[in-house]
Amino acid sequence: MYLDHPKISATNSETEPDRIERLSRVYGYAIALADVDGNAECITKLAKIHDHKGTLMVIWYVAPTPTEKNYFLRAWQSRIGDESAQVEHALMLHEPLAAHSSTGE
């Protein structure tokens, strides 16, 4: 069982908790599409998914393939998603190793 799922967040989720539920369904839909394709790597590439005022933001640890981007587009365009094509993809930014130095330099 895979336990390292991406962080799921949404703008105004405190006042609109259904947005997190919708993102959970979209995540499941997209990963199911990957599973049907035999793409076991897709789930490990994801860092975060975020609903920013109706735009699905998909943040990746590793650059997605066009097919992987399409999984999220299809899910977001579906009736369980936002029914729109507003999907953006970005890579997770990592801090430089020097920022983690314990020498205080």
C-alpha atoms as a PDB file:
ATOM      1  CA  MET A   1       0.000   0.000   0.000  1.00  0.00           C
ATOM      2  CA  TYR A   2       1.297   3.456  -0.927  1.00  0.00           C
ATOM      3  CA  LEU A   3       1.224   5.829   2.069  1.00  0.00           C
ATOM      4  CA  ASP A   4       3.182   8.895   0.919  1.00  0.00           C
ATOM      5  CA  HIS A   5       0.266  10.733  -0.709  1.00  0.00           C
ATOM      6  CA  PRO A   6       0.598  14.358  -1.831  1.00  0.00           C
ATOM      7  CA  LYS A   7      -0.521  17.259   0.316  1.00  0.00           C
ATOM      8  CA  ILE A   8      -4.032  18.358  -0.657  1.00  0.00           C
ATOM      9  CA  SER A   9      -5.073  21.972  -0.030  1.00  0.00           C
ATOM     10  CA  ALA A  10      -7.506  24.579  -1.292  1.00  0.00           C
ATOM     11  CA  THR A  11      -7.964  28.320  -1.070  1.00  0.00           C
ATOM     12  CA  ASN A  12     -10.824  29.074   1.371  1.00  0.00           C
ATOM     13  CA  SER A  13     -10.997  25.448   2.512  1.00  0.00           C
ATOM     14  CA  GLU A  14     -11.948  26.610   6.029  1.00  0.00           C
ATOM     15  CA  THR A  15     -15.187  28.146   4.756  1.00  0.00           C
ATOM     16  CA  GLU A  16     -15.673  25.723   1.842  1.00  0.00           C
ATOM     17  CA  PRO A  17     -14.628  22.252   3.116  1.00  0.00           C
ATOM     18  CA  ASP A  18     -16.190  20.571   0.076  1.00  0.00           C
ATOM     19  CA  ARG A  19     -13.222  21.826  -1.968  1.00  0.00           C
ATOM     20  CA  ILE A  20     -10.863  19.405  -0.172  1.00  0.00           C
ATOM     21  CA  GLU A  21     -13.319  16.555  -0.733  1.00  0.00           C
ATOM     22  CA  ARG A  22     -13.464  17.424  -4.439  1.00  0.00           C
ATOM     23  CA  LEU A  23      -9.654  17.414  -4.659  1.00  0.00           C
ATOM     24  CA  SER A  24      -9.526  14.002  -2.995  1.00  0.00           C
ATOM     25  CA  ARG A  25     -11.896  12.647  -5.629  1.00  0.00           C
ATOM     26  CA  VAL A  26      -9.888  14.284  -8.444  1.00  0.00           C
ATOM     27  CA  TYR A  27      -6.672  12.803  -7.052  1.00  0.00           C
ATOM     28  CA  GLY A  28      -8.268   9.345  -6.934  1.00  0.00           C
ATOM     29  CA  TYR A  29      -9.616   9.698 -10.472  1.00  0.00           C
ATOM     30  CA  ALA A  30      -6.229  10.787 -11.881  1.00  0.00           C
ATOM     31  CA  ILE A  31      -4.308   8.027 -10.110  1.00  0.00           C
ATOM     32  CA  ALA A  32      -6.879   5.473 -11.258  1.00  0.00           C
ATOM     33  CA  LEU A  33      -6.242   6.594 -14.848  1.00  0.00           C
ATOM     34  CA  ALA A  34      -2.503   6.131 -14.244  1.00  0.00           C
ATOM     35  CA  ASP A  35      -3.160   2.691 -12.754  1.00  0.00           C
ATOM     36  CA  VAL A  36      -5.228   1.616 -15.755  1.00  0.00           C
ATOM     37  CA  ASP A  37      -2.305   2.693 -17.965  1.00  0.00           C
ATOM     38  CA  GLY A  38       0.087   0.626 -15.849  1.00  0.00           C
ATOM     39  CA  ASN A  39       1.850   3.810 -14.732  1.00  0.00           C
ATOM     40  CA  ALA A  40       2.990   3.014 -11.192  1.00  0.00           C
ATOM     41  CA  GLU A  41       5.475   5.923 -11.170  1.00  0.00           C
ATOM     42  CA  CYS A  42       2.939   8.746 -11.450  1.00  0.00           C
ATOM     43  CA  ILE A  43       1.860   8.554  -7.814  1.00  0.00           C
ATOM     44  CA  THR A  44       5.467   8.806  -6.605  1.00  0.00           C
ATOM     45  CA  LYS A  45       6.115  11.991  -8.608  1.00  0.00           C
ATOM     46  CA  LEU A  46       3.376  14.056  -6.937  1.00  0.00           C
ATOM     47  CA  ALA A  47       4.136  16.550  -4.168  1.00  0.00           C
ATOM     48  CA  LYS A  48       0.935  18.607  -3.803  1.00  0.00           C
ATOM     49  CA  ILE A  49      -2.384  19.350  -5.400  1.00  0.00           C
ATOM     50  CA  HIS A  50      -4.111  22.626  -4.670  1.00  0.00           C
ATOM     51  CA  ASP A  51      -7.365  24.251  -5.760  1.00  0.00           C
ATOM     52  CA  HIS A  52      -6.631  27.944  -6.220  1.00  0.00           C
ATOM     53  CA  LYS A  53      -9.956  29.630  -6.895  1.00  0.00           C
ATOM     54  CA  GLY A  54     -11.014  27.019  -9.457  1.00  0.00           C
ATOM     55  CA  THR A  55      -7.592  26.358 -10.953  1.00  0.00           C
ATOM     56  CA  LEU A  56      -6.089  22.969 -10.182  1.00  0.00           C
ATOM     57  CA  MET A  57      -2.425  23.372  -9.285  1.00  0.00           C
ATOM     58  CA  VAL A  58      -0.448  20.124  -9.534  1.00  0.00           C
ATOM     59  CA  ILE A  59       3.010  20.296  -7.976  1.00  0.00           C
ATOM     60  CA  TRP A  60       5.464  17.554  -8.902  1.00  0.00           C
ATOM     61  CA  TYR A  61       8.752  16.310  -7.442  1.00  0.00           C
ATOM     62  CA  VAL A  62       9.720  15.035 -10.904  1.00  0.00           C
ATOM     63  CA  ALA A  63       8.626  16.517 -14.229  1.00  0.00           C
ATOM     64  CA  PRO A  64       5.434  14.805 -15.440  1.00  0.00           C
ATOM     65  CA  THR A  65       4.977  13.355 -18.878  1.00  0.00           C
ATOM     66  CA  PRO A  66       2.271  14.819 -21.142  1.00  0.00           C
ATOM     67  CA  THR A  67       0.187  11.696 -20.387  1.00  0.00           C
ATOM     68  CA  GLU A  68       0.518  12.268 -16.629  1.00  0.00           C
ATOM     69  CA  LYS A  69      -0.576  15.894 -17.047  1.00  0.00           C
ATOM     70  CA  ASN A  70      -3.565  14.634 -19.017  1.00  0.00           C
ATOM     71  CA  TYR A  71      -4.690  12.388 -16.116  1.00  0.00           C
ATOM     72  CA  PHE A  72      -5.251  15.499 -14.002  1.00  0.00           C
ATOM     73  CA  LEU A  73      -6.820  17.465 -16.843  1.00  0.00           C
ATOM     74  CA  ARG A  74      -9.329  14.670 -17.457  1.00  0.00           C
ATOM     75  CA  ALA A  75     -10.117  14.404 -13.747  1.00  0.00           C
ATOM     76  CA  TRP A  76     -10.553  18.180 -13.333  1.00  0.00           C
ATOM     77  CA  GLN A  77     -12.759  18.396 -16.447  1.00  0.00           C
ATOM     78  CA  SER A  78     -15.003  15.604 -15.186  1.00  0.00           C
ATOM     79  CA  ARG A  79     -18.214  16.078 -13.221  1.00  0.00           C
ATOM     80  CA  ILE A  80     -16.406  15.206  -9.983  1.00  0.00           C
ATOM     81  CA  GLY A  81     -13.898  17.990 -10.658  1.00  0.00           C
ATOM     82  CA  ASP A  82     -14.448  21.615 -11.606  1.00  0.00           C
ATOM     83  CA  GLU A  83     -15.648  20.776 -15.131  1.00  0.00           C
ATOM     84  CA  SER A  84     -12.999  23.147 -16.505  1.00  0.00           C
ATOM     85  CA  ALA A  85      -9.633  22.895 -18.211  1.00  0.00           C
ATOM     86  CA  GLN A  86      -7.942  25.240 -15.725  1.00  0.00           C
ATOM     87  CA  VAL A  87      -4.997  23.043 -14.692  1.00  0.00           C
ATOM     88  CA  GLU A  88      -1.447  24.236 -14.090  1.00  0.00           C
ATOM     89  CA  HIS A  89       1.642  22.121 -13.397  1.00  0.00           C
ATOM     90  CA  ALA A  90       4.847  23.111 -11.620  1.00  0.00           C
ATOM     91  CA  LEU A  91       7.916  21.463 -10.147  1.00  0.00           C
ATOM     92  CA  MET A  92       8.503  21.491  -6.394  1.00  0.00           C
ATOM     93  CA  LEU A  93      11.320  23.847  -5.500  1.00  0.00           C
ATOM     94  CA  HIS A  94      14.005  22.355  -3.277  1.00  0.00           C
ATOM     95  CA  GLU A  95      16.185  24.352  -0.907  1.00  0.00           C
ATOM     96  CA  PRO A  96      19.914  24.235  -1.665  1.00  0.00           C
ATOM     97  CA  LEU A  97      21.834  21.736   0.425  1.00  0.00           C
ATOM     98  CA  ALA A  98      23.832  24.577   1.994  1.00  0.00           C
ATOM     99  CA  ALA A  99      20.644  25.833   3.648  1.00  0.00           C
ATOM    100  CA  HIS A 100      20.546  22.616   5.656  1.00  0.00           C
ATOM    101  CA  SER A 101      24.136  22.852   6.859  1.00  0.00           C
ATOM    102  CA  SER A 102      24.584  22.334  10.607  1.00  0.00           C
ATOM    103  CA  THR A 103      27.892  24.201  10.697  1.00  0.00           C
ATOM    104  CA  GLY A 104      26.155  27.554  10.868  1.00  0.00           C
ATOM    105  CA  GLU A 105      28.029  28.891   7.842  1.00  0.00           C
END
